[in-house]
Amino acid sequence: MKKLLLIAIIALSLHSCRMGVNSLTYEVQEDIQQTYNEENLGIIINSLILTHQEGNSYTGILETSEPDGDFSYYVDVVYDGNSFIWEVY
């Protein structure tokens, strides 16, 4: 019984370390915006919607306002529970 309880506590602890989709979306959006700002691209992010695909893969749509108009892009994100990488295309 103690062993089962210990396993349950460890599983809950590991699960709670992972960000939810909403938190991940916010963090990715902030990181993309910071990158655009550092590169002086004049791009403002209007919205980002991410959905979980499978495993550690997420995909979404990025809506931006740019000097030449408003645009939509696809975004792929890989999140391992601690850090993420993203690609806009």
PDB file of N, CA and C in Angstrom:
ATOM      1  N   MET A   1       0.819  -1.188   0.000  1.00  0.00           N
ATOM      2  CA  MET A   1       0.000   0.000   0.000  1.00  0.00           C
ATOM      3  C   MET A   1       0.867   1.256   0.000  1.00  0.00           C
ATOM      4  N   LYS A   2       1.927   1.270   0.810  1.00  0.00           N
ATOM      5  CA  LYS A   2       2.820   2.424   0.853  1.00  0.00           C
ATOM      6  C   LYS A   2       3.500   2.632  -0.491  1.00  0.00           C
ATOM      7  N   LYS A   3       3.863   1.525  -1.131  1.00  0.00           N
ATOM      8  CA  LYS A   3       4.524   1.614  -2.430  1.00  0.00           C
ATOM      9  C   LYS A   3       3.587   2.227  -3.467  1.00  0.00           C
ATOM     10  N   LEU A   4       2.324   1.828  -3.454  1.00  0.00           N
ATOM     11  CA  LEU A   4       1.337   2.369  -4.380  1.00  0.00           C
ATOM     12  C   LEU A   4       1.127   3.856  -4.135  1.00  0.00           C
ATOM     13  N   LEU A   5       1.062   4.266  -2.881  1.00  0.00           N
ATOM     14  CA  LEU A   5       0.899   5.675  -2.535  1.00  0.00           C
ATOM     15  C   LEU A   5       2.097   6.487  -2.999  1.00  0.00           C
ATOM     16  N   LEU A   6       3.293   5.957  -2.817  1.00  0.00           N
ATOM     17  CA  LEU A   6       4.502   6.632  -3.248  1.00  0.00           C
ATOM     18  C   LEU A   6       4.518   6.804  -4.764  1.00  0.00           C
ATOM     19  N   ILE A   7       4.127   5.779  -5.486  1.00  0.00           N
ATOM     20  CA  ILE A   7       4.064   5.857  -6.948  1.00  0.00           C
ATOM     21  C   ILE A   7       3.054   6.921  -7.383  1.00  0.00           C
ATOM     22  N   ALA A   8       1.914   6.973  -6.728  1.00  0.00           N
ATOM     23  CA  ALA A   8       0.893   7.967  -7.060  1.00  0.00           C
ATOM     24  C   ALA A   8       1.398   9.376  -6.802  1.00  0.00           C
ATOM     25  N   ILE A   9       2.094   9.598  -5.714  1.00  0.00           N
ATOM     26  CA  ILE A   9       2.631  10.926  -5.394  1.00  0.00           C
ATOM     27  C   ILE A   9       3.684  11.344  -6.415  1.00  0.00           C
ATOM     28  N   ILE A  10       4.552  10.436  -6.784  1.00  0.00           N
ATOM     29  CA  ILE A  10       5.577  10.742  -7.791  1.00  0.00           C
ATOM     30  C   ILE A  10       4.928  11.065  -9.128  1.00  0.00           C
ATOM     31  N   ALA A  11       3.938  10.289  -9.526  1.00  0.00           N
ATOM     32  CA  ALA A  11       3.256  10.536 -10.803  1.00  0.00           C
ATOM     33  C   ALA A  11       2.577  11.899 -10.806  1.00  0.00           C
ATOM     34  N   LEU A  12       1.924  12.259  -9.725  1.00  0.00           N
ATOM     35  CA  LEU A  12       1.277  13.570  -9.641  1.00  0.00           C
ATOM     36  C   LEU A  12       2.292  14.695  -9.655  1.00  0.00           C
ATOM     37  N   SER A  13       3.421  14.499  -9.003  1.00  0.00           N
ATOM     38  CA  SER A  13       4.465  15.521  -8.982  1.00  0.00           C
ATOM     39  C   SER A  13       5.032  15.737 -10.376  1.00  0.00           C
ATOM     40  N   LEU A  14       5.304  14.680 -11.088  1.00  0.00           N
ATOM     41  CA  LEU A  14       5.827  14.806 -12.443  1.00  0.00           C
ATOM     42  C   LEU A  14       4.813  15.455 -13.363  1.00  0.00           C
ATOM     43  N   HIS A  15       3.549  15.084 -13.209  1.00  0.00           N
ATOM     44  CA  HIS A  15       2.500  15.652 -14.046  1.00  0.00           C
ATOM     45  C   HIS A  15       2.345  17.150 -13.779  1.00  0.00           C
ATOM     46  N   SER A  16       2.465  17.579 -12.549  1.00  0.00           N
ATOM     47  CA  SER A  16       2.264  18.987 -12.211  1.00  0.00           C
ATOM     48  C   SER A  16       3.408  19.856 -12.692  1.00  0.00           C
ATOM     49  N   CYS A  17       4.550  19.273 -13.023  1.00  0.00           N
ATOM     50  CA  CYS A  17       5.684  20.048 -13.528  1.00  0.00           C
ATOM     51  C   CYS A  17       5.441  20.520 -14.960  1.00  0.00           C
ATOM     52  N   ARG A  18       4.593  19.854 -15.675  1.00  0.00           N
ATOM     53  CA  ARG A  18       4.312  20.212 -17.061  1.00  0.00           C
ATOM     54  C   ARG A  18       3.333  21.374 -17.120  1.00  0.00           C
ATOM     55  N   MET A  19       3.565  22.274 -18.053  1.00  0.00           N
ATOM     56  CA  MET A  19       2.650  23.382 -18.276  1.00  0.00           C
ATOM     57  C   MET A  19       1.414  22.878 -18.989  1.00  0.00           C
ATOM     58  N   GLY A  20       0.294  23.502 -18.721  1.00  0.00           N
ATOM     59  CA  GLY A  20      -0.897  23.240 -19.496  1.00  0.00           C
ATOM     60  C   GLY A  20      -0.787  23.914 -20.855  1.00  0.00           C
ATOM     61  N   VAL A  21      -1.692  23.599 -21.757  1.00  0.00           N
ATOM     62  CA  VAL A  21      -1.648  24.174 -23.104  1.00  0.00           C
ATOM     63  C   VAL A  21      -1.753  25.699 -23.046  1.00  0.00           C
ATOM     64  N   ASN A  22      -2.605  26.237 -22.176  1.00  0.00           N
ATOM     65  CA  ASN A  22      -2.749  27.694 -22.099  1.00  0.00           C
ATOM     66  C   ASN A  22      -1.462  28.363 -21.634  1.00  0.00           C
ATOM     67  N   SER A  23      -0.820  27.799 -20.628  1.00  0.00           N
ATOM     68  CA  SER A  23       0.446  28.351 -20.147  1.00  0.00           C
ATOM     69  C   SER A  23       1.534  28.232 -21.204  1.00  0.00           C
ATOM     70  N   LEU A  24       1.583  27.092 -21.871  1.00  0.00           N
ATOM     71  CA  LEU A  24       2.569  26.897 -22.931  1.00  0.00           C
ATOM     72  C   LEU A  24       2.341  27.891 -24.057  1.00  0.00           C
ATOM     73  N   THR A  25       1.087  28.090 -24.441  1.00  0.00           N
ATOM     74  CA  THR A  25       0.761  29.050 -25.497  1.00  0.00           C
ATOM     75  C   THR A  25       1.264  30.441 -25.132  1.00  0.00           C
ATOM     76  N   TYR A  26       1.006  30.859 -23.907  1.00  0.00           N
ATOM     77  CA  TYR A  26       1.454  32.176 -23.443  1.00  0.00           C
ATOM     78  C   TYR A  26       2.977  32.282 -23.504  1.00  0.00           C
ATOM     79  N   GLU A  27       3.685  31.276 -23.000  1.00  0.00           N
ATOM     80  CA  GLU A  27       5.147  31.303 -22.980  1.00  0.00           C
ATOM     81  C   GLU A  27       5.724  31.323 -24.399  1.00  0.00           C
ATOM     82  N   VAL A  28       5.157  30.520 -25.290  1.00  0.00           N
ATOM     83  CA  VAL A  28       5.636  30.483 -26.677  1.00  0.00           C
ATOM     84  C   VAL A  28       5.379  31.827 -27.353  1.00  0.00           C
ATOM     85  N   GLN A  29       4.189  32.391 -27.163  1.00  0.00           N
ATOM     86  CA  GLN A  29       3.867  33.683 -27.770  1.00  0.00           C
ATOM     87  C   GLN A  29       4.835  34.766 -27.287  1.00  0.00           C
ATOM     88  N   GLU A  30       5.115  34.782 -26.000  1.00  0.00           N
ATOM     89  CA  GLU A  30       6.061  35.761 -25.447  1.00  0.00           C
ATOM     90  C   GLU A  30       7.453  35.570 -26.048  1.00  0.00           C
ATOM     91  N   ASP A  31       7.874  34.331 -26.221  1.00  0.00           N
ATOM     92  CA  ASP A  31       9.199  34.049 -26.775  1.00  0.00           C
ATOM     93  C   ASP A  31       9.280  34.452 -28.249  1.00  0.00           C
ATOM     94  N   ILE A  32       8.245  34.163 -29.011  1.00  0.00           N
ATOM     95  CA  ILE A  32       8.233  34.562 -30.419  1.00  0.00           C
ATOM     96  C   ILE A  32       8.254  36.081 -30.522  1.00  0.00           C
ATOM     97  N   GLN A  33       7.422  36.770 -29.734  1.00  0.00           N
ATOM     98  CA  GLN A  33       7.379  38.235 -29.782  1.00  0.00           C
ATOM     99  C   GLN A  33       8.725  38.835 -29.403  1.00  0.00           C
ATOM    100  N   GLN A  34       9.372  38.283 -28.398  1.00  0.00           N
ATOM    101  CA  GLN A  34      10.690  38.772 -27.991  1.00  0.00           C
ATOM    102  C   GLN A  34      11.696  38.609 -29.124  1.00  0.00           C
ATOM    103  N   THR A  35      11.645  37.473 -29.815  1.00  0.00           N
ATOM    104  CA  THR A  35      12.543  37.237 -30.949  1.00  0.00           C
ATOM    105  C   THR A  35      12.292  38.258 -32.049  1.00  0.00           C
ATOM    106  N   TYR A  36      11.020  38.498 -32.374  1.00  0.00           N
ATOM    107  CA  TYR A  36      10.691  39.491 -33.404  1.00  0.00           C
ATOM    108  C   TYR A  36      11.155  40.883 -32.991  1.00  0.00           C
ATOM    109  N   ASN A  37      10.988  41.222 -31.710  1.00  0.00           N
ATOM    110  CA  ASN A  37      11.424  42.531 -31.222  1.00  0.00           C
ATOM    111  C   ASN A  37      12.941  42.681 -31.307  1.00  0.00           C
ATOM    112  N   GLU A  38      13.672  41.645 -30.921  1.00  0.00           N
ATOM    113  CA  GLU A  38      15.132  41.678 -30.977  1.00  0.00           C
ATOM    114  C   GLU A  38      15.640  41.834 -32.401  1.00  0.00           C
ATOM    115  N   GLU A  39      14.894  41.300 -33.360  1.00  0.00           N
ATOM    116  CA  GLU A  39      15.287  41.379 -34.763  1.00  0.00           C
ATOM    117  C   GLU A  39      14.717  42.619 -35.455  1.00  0.00           C
ATOM    118  N   ASN A  40      14.011  43.477 -34.689  1.00  0.00           N
ATOM    119  CA  ASN A  40      13.434  44.725 -35.221  1.00  0.00           C
ATOM    120  C   ASN A  40      12.617  44.496 -36.493  1.00  0.00           C
ATOM    121  N   LEU A  41      11.738  43.518 -36.459  1.00  0.00           N
ATOM    122  CA  LEU A  41      10.942  43.169 -37.634  1.00  0.00           C
ATOM    123  C   LEU A  41       9.648  43.967 -37.746  1.00  0.00           C
ATOM    124  N   GLY A  42       9.250  44.655 -36.694  1.00  0.00           N
ATOM    125  CA  GLY A  42       8.005  45.412 -36.728  1.00  0.00           C
ATOM    126  C   GLY A  42       6.771  44.530 -36.741  1.00  0.00           C
ATOM    127  N   ILE A  43       6.885  43.329 -36.195  1.00  0.00           N
ATOM    128  CA  ILE A  43       5.779  42.376 -36.177  1.00  0.00           C
ATOM    129  C   ILE A  43       5.161  42.357 -34.790  1.00  0.00           C
ATOM    130  N   ILE A  44       3.840  42.492 -34.744  1.00  0.00           N
ATOM    131  CA  ILE A  44       3.084  42.404 -33.500  1.00  0.00           C
ATOM    132  C   ILE A  44       2.224  41.143 -33.559  1.00  0.00           C
ATOM    133  N   ILE A  45       2.299  40.307 -32.525  1.00  0.00           N
ATOM    134  CA  ILE A  45       1.477  39.101 -32.468  1.00  0.00           C
ATOM    135  C   ILE A  45       0.106  39.467 -31.937  1.00  0.00           C
ATOM    136  N   ASN A  46      -0.922  39.158 -32.712  1.00  0.00           N
ATOM    137  CA  ASN A  46      -2.307  39.389 -32.290  1.00  0.00           C
ATOM    138  C   ASN A  46      -2.854  38.202 -31.510  1.00  0.00           C
ATOM    139  N   SER A  47      -2.505  36.988 -31.936  1.00  0.00           N
ATOM    140  CA  SER A  47      -2.978  35.803 -31.225  1.00  0.00           C
ATOM    141  C   SER A  47      -2.155  34.591 -31.620  1.00  0.00           C
ATOM    142  N   LEU A  48      -2.168  33.620 -30.717  1.00  0.00           N
ATOM    143  CA  LEU A  48      -1.571  32.319 -30.972  1.00  0.00           C
ATOM    144  C   LEU A  48      -2.494  31.288 -30.349  1.00  0.00           C
ATOM    145  N   ILE A  49      -2.859  30.302 -31.128  1.00  0.00           N
ATOM    146  CA  ILE A  49      -3.679  29.196 -30.633  1.00  0.00           C
ATOM    147  C   ILE A  49      -2.887  27.918 -30.872  1.00  0.00           C
ATOM    148  N   LEU A  50      -2.617  27.177 -29.787  1.00  0.00           N
ATOM    149  CA  LEU A  50      -1.913  25.902 -29.879  1.00  0.00           C
ATOM    150  C   LEU A  50      -2.844  24.769 -29.484  1.00  0.00           C
ATOM    151  N   THR A  51      -2.682  23.646 -30.134  1.00  0.00           N
ATOM    152  CA  THR A  51      -3.390  22.428 -29.742  1.00  0.00           C
ATOM    153  C   THR A  51      -2.376  21.300 -29.631  1.00  0.00           C
ATOM    154  N   HIS A  52      -2.616  20.419 -28.686  1.00  0.00           N
ATOM    155  CA  HIS A  52      -1.746  19.264 -28.466  1.00  0.00           C
ATOM    156  C   HIS A  52      -2.011  18.238 -29.553  1.00  0.00           C
ATOM    157  N   GLN A  53      -0.966  17.764 -30.189  1.00  0.00           N
ATOM    158  CA  GLN A  53      -1.115  16.747 -31.231  1.00  0.00           C
ATOM    159  C   GLN A  53      -0.944  15.354 -30.642  1.00  0.00           C
ATOM    160  N   GLU A  54       0.265  15.054 -30.201  1.00  0.00           N
ATOM    161  CA  GLU A  54       0.561  13.780 -29.545  1.00  0.00           C
ATOM    162  C   GLU A  54       1.936  13.887 -28.918  1.00  0.00           C
ATOM    163  N   GLY A  55       2.154  13.120 -27.891  1.00  0.00           N
ATOM    164  CA  GLY A  55       3.452  13.134 -27.221  1.00  0.00           C
ATOM    165  C   GLY A  55       3.809  14.535 -26.760  1.00  0.00           C
ATOM    166  N   ASN A  56       4.931  15.037 -27.253  1.00  0.00           N
ATOM    167  CA  ASN A  56       5.369  16.373 -26.875  1.00  0.00           C
ATOM    168  C   ASN A  56       5.238  17.378 -28.019  1.00  0.00           C
ATOM    169  N   SER A  57       4.359  17.092 -28.983  1.00  0.00           N
ATOM    170  CA  SER A  57       4.168  17.943 -30.153  1.00  0.00           C
ATOM    171  C   SER A  57       2.875  18.748 -30.075  1.00  0.00           C
ATOM    172  N   TYR A  58       2.991  20.025 -30.428  1.00  0.00           N
ATOM    173  CA  TYR A  58       1.860  20.937 -30.479  1.00  0.00           C
ATOM    174  C   TYR A  58       1.898  21.651 -31.818  1.00  0.00           C
ATOM    175  N   THR A  59       0.745  22.053 -32.306  1.00  0.00           N
ATOM    176  CA  THR A  59       0.675  22.809 -33.545  1.00  0.00           C
ATOM    177  C   THR A  59      -0.341  23.933 -33.361  1.00  0.00           C
ATOM    178  N   GLY A  60      -0.205  24.972 -34.172  1.00  0.00           N
ATOM    179  CA  GLY A  60      -1.126  26.079 -34.002  1.00  0.00           C
ATOM    180  C   GLY A  60      -1.079  27.087 -35.119  1.00  0.00           C
ATOM    181  N   ILE A  61      -1.844  28.159 -34.883  1.00  0.00           N
ATOM    182  CA  ILE A  61      -1.957  29.265 -35.828  1.00  0.00           C
ATOM    183  C   ILE A  61      -1.522  30.545 -35.118  1.00  0.00           C
ATOM    184  N   LEU A  62      -0.642  31.300 -35.772  1.00  0.00           N
ATOM    185  CA  LEU A  62      -0.154  32.572 -35.271  1.00  0.00           C
ATOM    186  C   LEU A  62      -0.717  33.684 -36.148  1.00  0.00           C
ATOM    187  N   GLU A  63      -1.391  34.644 -35.538  1.00  0.00           N
ATOM    188  CA  GLU A  63      -1.944  35.798 -36.257  1.00  0.00           C
ATOM    189  C   GLU A  63      -1.088  37.013 -35.929  1.00  0.00           C
ATOM    190  N   THR A  64      -0.624  37.727 -36.970  1.00  0.00           N
ATOM    191  CA  THR A  64       0.256  38.873 -36.758  1.00  0.00           C
ATOM    192  C   THR A  64      -0.219  40.117 -37.515  1.00  0.00           C
ATOM    193  N   SER A  65       0.240  41.259 -37.031  1.00  0.00           N
ATOM    194  CA  SER A  65       0.135  42.525 -37.760  1.00  0.00           C
ATOM    195  C   SER A  65       1.555  42.939 -38.105  1.00  0.00           C
ATOM    196  N   GLU A  66       1.776  43.192 -39.393  1.00  0.00           N
ATOM    197  CA  GLU A  66       3.109  43.519 -39.882  1.00  0.00           C
ATOM    198  C   GLU A  66       3.038  44.791 -40.718  1.00  0.00           C
ATOM    199  N   PRO A  67       4.172  45.406 -41.023  1.00  0.00           N
ATOM    200  CA  PRO A  67       4.157  46.627 -41.831  1.00  0.00           C
ATOM    201  C   PRO A  67       3.404  46.478 -43.160  1.00  0.00           C
ATOM    202  N   ASP A  68       3.394  45.265 -43.733  1.00  0.00           N
ATOM    203  CA  ASP A  68       2.712  45.042 -45.010  1.00  0.00           C
ATOM    204  C   ASP A  68       1.301  44.487 -44.866  1.00  0.00           C
ATOM    205  N   GLY A  69       0.779  44.380 -43.631  1.00  0.00           N
ATOM    206  CA  GLY A  69      -0.582  43.888 -43.438  1.00  0.00           C
ATOM    207  C   GLY A  69      -0.671  42.832 -42.347  1.00  0.00           C
ATOM    208  N   ASP A  70      -1.822  42.179 -42.305  1.00  0.00           N
ATOM    209  CA  ASP A  70      -2.070  41.123 -41.328  1.00  0.00           C
ATOM    210  C   ASP A  70      -1.834  39.763 -41.987  1.00  0.00           C
ATOM    211  N   PHE A  71      -1.215  38.846 -41.224  1.00  0.00           N
ATOM    212  CA  PHE A  71      -0.856  37.548 -41.773  1.00  0.00           C
ATOM    213  C   PHE A  71      -1.157  36.440 -40.776  1.00  0.00           C
ATOM    214  N   SER A  72      -1.303  35.210 -41.296  1.00  0.00           N
ATOM    215  CA  SER A  72      -1.472  34.005 -40.486  1.00  0.00           C
ATOM    216  C   SER A  72      -0.359  33.035 -40.836  1.00  0.00           C
ATOM    217  N   TYR A  73       0.178  32.387 -39.812  1.00  0.00           N
ATOM    218  CA  TYR A  73       1.251  31.424 -40.000  1.00  0.00           C
ATOM    219  C   TYR A  73       0.933  30.159 -39.202  1.00  0.00           C
ATOM    220  N   TYR A  74       1.516  29.047 -39.638  1.00  0.00           N
ATOM    221  CA  TYR A  74       1.462  27.808 -38.871  1.00  0.00           C
ATOM    222  C   TYR A  74       2.642  27.807 -37.911  1.00  0.00           C
ATOM    223  N   VAL A  75       2.431  27.196 -36.749  1.00  0.00           N
ATOM    224  CA  VAL A  75       3.482  27.090 -35.738  1.00  0.00           C
ATOM    225  C   VAL A  75       3.553  25.646 -35.255  1.00  0.00           C
ATOM    226  N   ASP A  76       4.769  25.119 -35.168  1.00  0.00           N
ATOM    227  CA  ASP A  76       5.003  23.818 -34.545  1.00  0.00           C
ATOM    228  C   ASP A  76       5.814  24.051 -33.283  1.00  0.00           C
ATOM    229  N   VAL A  77       5.437  23.373 -32.204  1.00  0.00           N
ATOM    230  CA  VAL A  77       6.130  23.491 -30.926  1.00  0.00           C
ATOM    231  C   VAL A  77       6.416  22.088 -30.404  1.00  0.00           C
ATOM    232  N   VAL A  78       7.617  21.906 -29.885  1.00  0.00           N
ATOM    233  CA  VAL A  78       7.978  20.680 -29.181  1.00  0.00           C
ATOM    234  C   VAL A  78       8.308  21.096 -27.753  1.00  0.00           C
ATOM    235  N   TYR A  79       7.632  20.469 -26.788  1.00  0.00           N
ATOM    236  CA  TYR A  79       7.785  20.796 -25.375  1.00  0.00           C
ATOM    237  C   TYR A  79       8.070  19.519 -24.599  1.00  0.00           C
ATOM    238  N   ASP A  80       9.206  19.477 -23.922  1.00  0.00           N
ATOM    239  CA  ASP A  80       9.615  18.256 -23.216  1.00  0.00           C
ATOM    240  C   ASP A  80       9.249  18.254 -21.734  1.00  0.00           C
ATOM    241  N   GLY A  81       8.484  19.227 -21.298  1.00  0.00           N
ATOM    242  CA  GLY A  81       8.121  19.317 -19.889  1.00  0.00           C
ATOM    243  C   GLY A  81       8.930  20.350 -19.139  1.00  0.00           C
ATOM    244  N   ASN A  82      10.073  20.743 -19.715  1.00  0.00           N
ATOM    245  CA  ASN A  82      10.931  21.756 -19.107  1.00  0.00           C
ATOM    246  C   ASN A  82      11.199  22.924 -20.039  1.00  0.00           C
ATOM    247  N   SER A  83      11.414  22.638 -21.300  1.00  0.00           N
ATOM    248  CA  SER A  83      11.723  23.686 -22.266  1.00  0.00           C
ATOM    249  C   SER A  83      11.009  23.373 -23.588  1.00  0.00           C
ATOM    250  N   PHE A  84      10.982  24.381 -24.452  1.00  0.00           N
ATOM    251  CA  PHE A  84      10.293  24.211 -25.730  1.00  0.00           C
ATOM    252  C   PHE A  84      11.122  24.826 -26.851  1.00  0.00           C
ATOM    253  N   ILE A  85      10.830  24.372 -28.062  1.00  0.00           N
ATOM    254  CA  ILE A  85      11.347  25.000 -29.276  1.00  0.00           C
ATOM    255  C   ILE A  85      10.151  25.213 -30.191  1.00  0.00           C
ATOM    256  N   TRP A  86      10.213  26.245 -30.998  1.00  0.00           N
ATOM    257  CA  TRP A  86       9.106  26.553 -31.897  1.00  0.00           C
ATOM    258  C   TRP A  86       9.647  26.853 -33.291  1.00  0.00           C
ATOM    259  N   GLU A  87       8.756  26.664 -34.266  1.00  0.00           N
ATOM    260  CA  GLU A  87       9.067  26.988 -35.657  1.00  0.00           C
ATOM    261  C   GLU A  87       7.829  27.601 -36.268  1.00  0.00           C
ATOM    262  N   VAL A  88       7.996  28.768 -36.870  1.00  0.00           N
ATOM    263  CA  VAL A  88       6.907  29.464 -37.566  1.00  0.00           C
ATOM    264  C   VAL A  88       7.146  29.300 -39.054  1.00  0.00           C
ATOM    265  N   TYR A  89       6.111  28.914 -39.766  1.00  0.00           N
ATOM    266  CA  TYR A  89       6.237  28.770 -41.234  1.00  0.00           C
ATOM    267  C   TYR A  89       4.967  29.145 -41.933  1.00  0.00           C
TER     268      TYR A  89
END
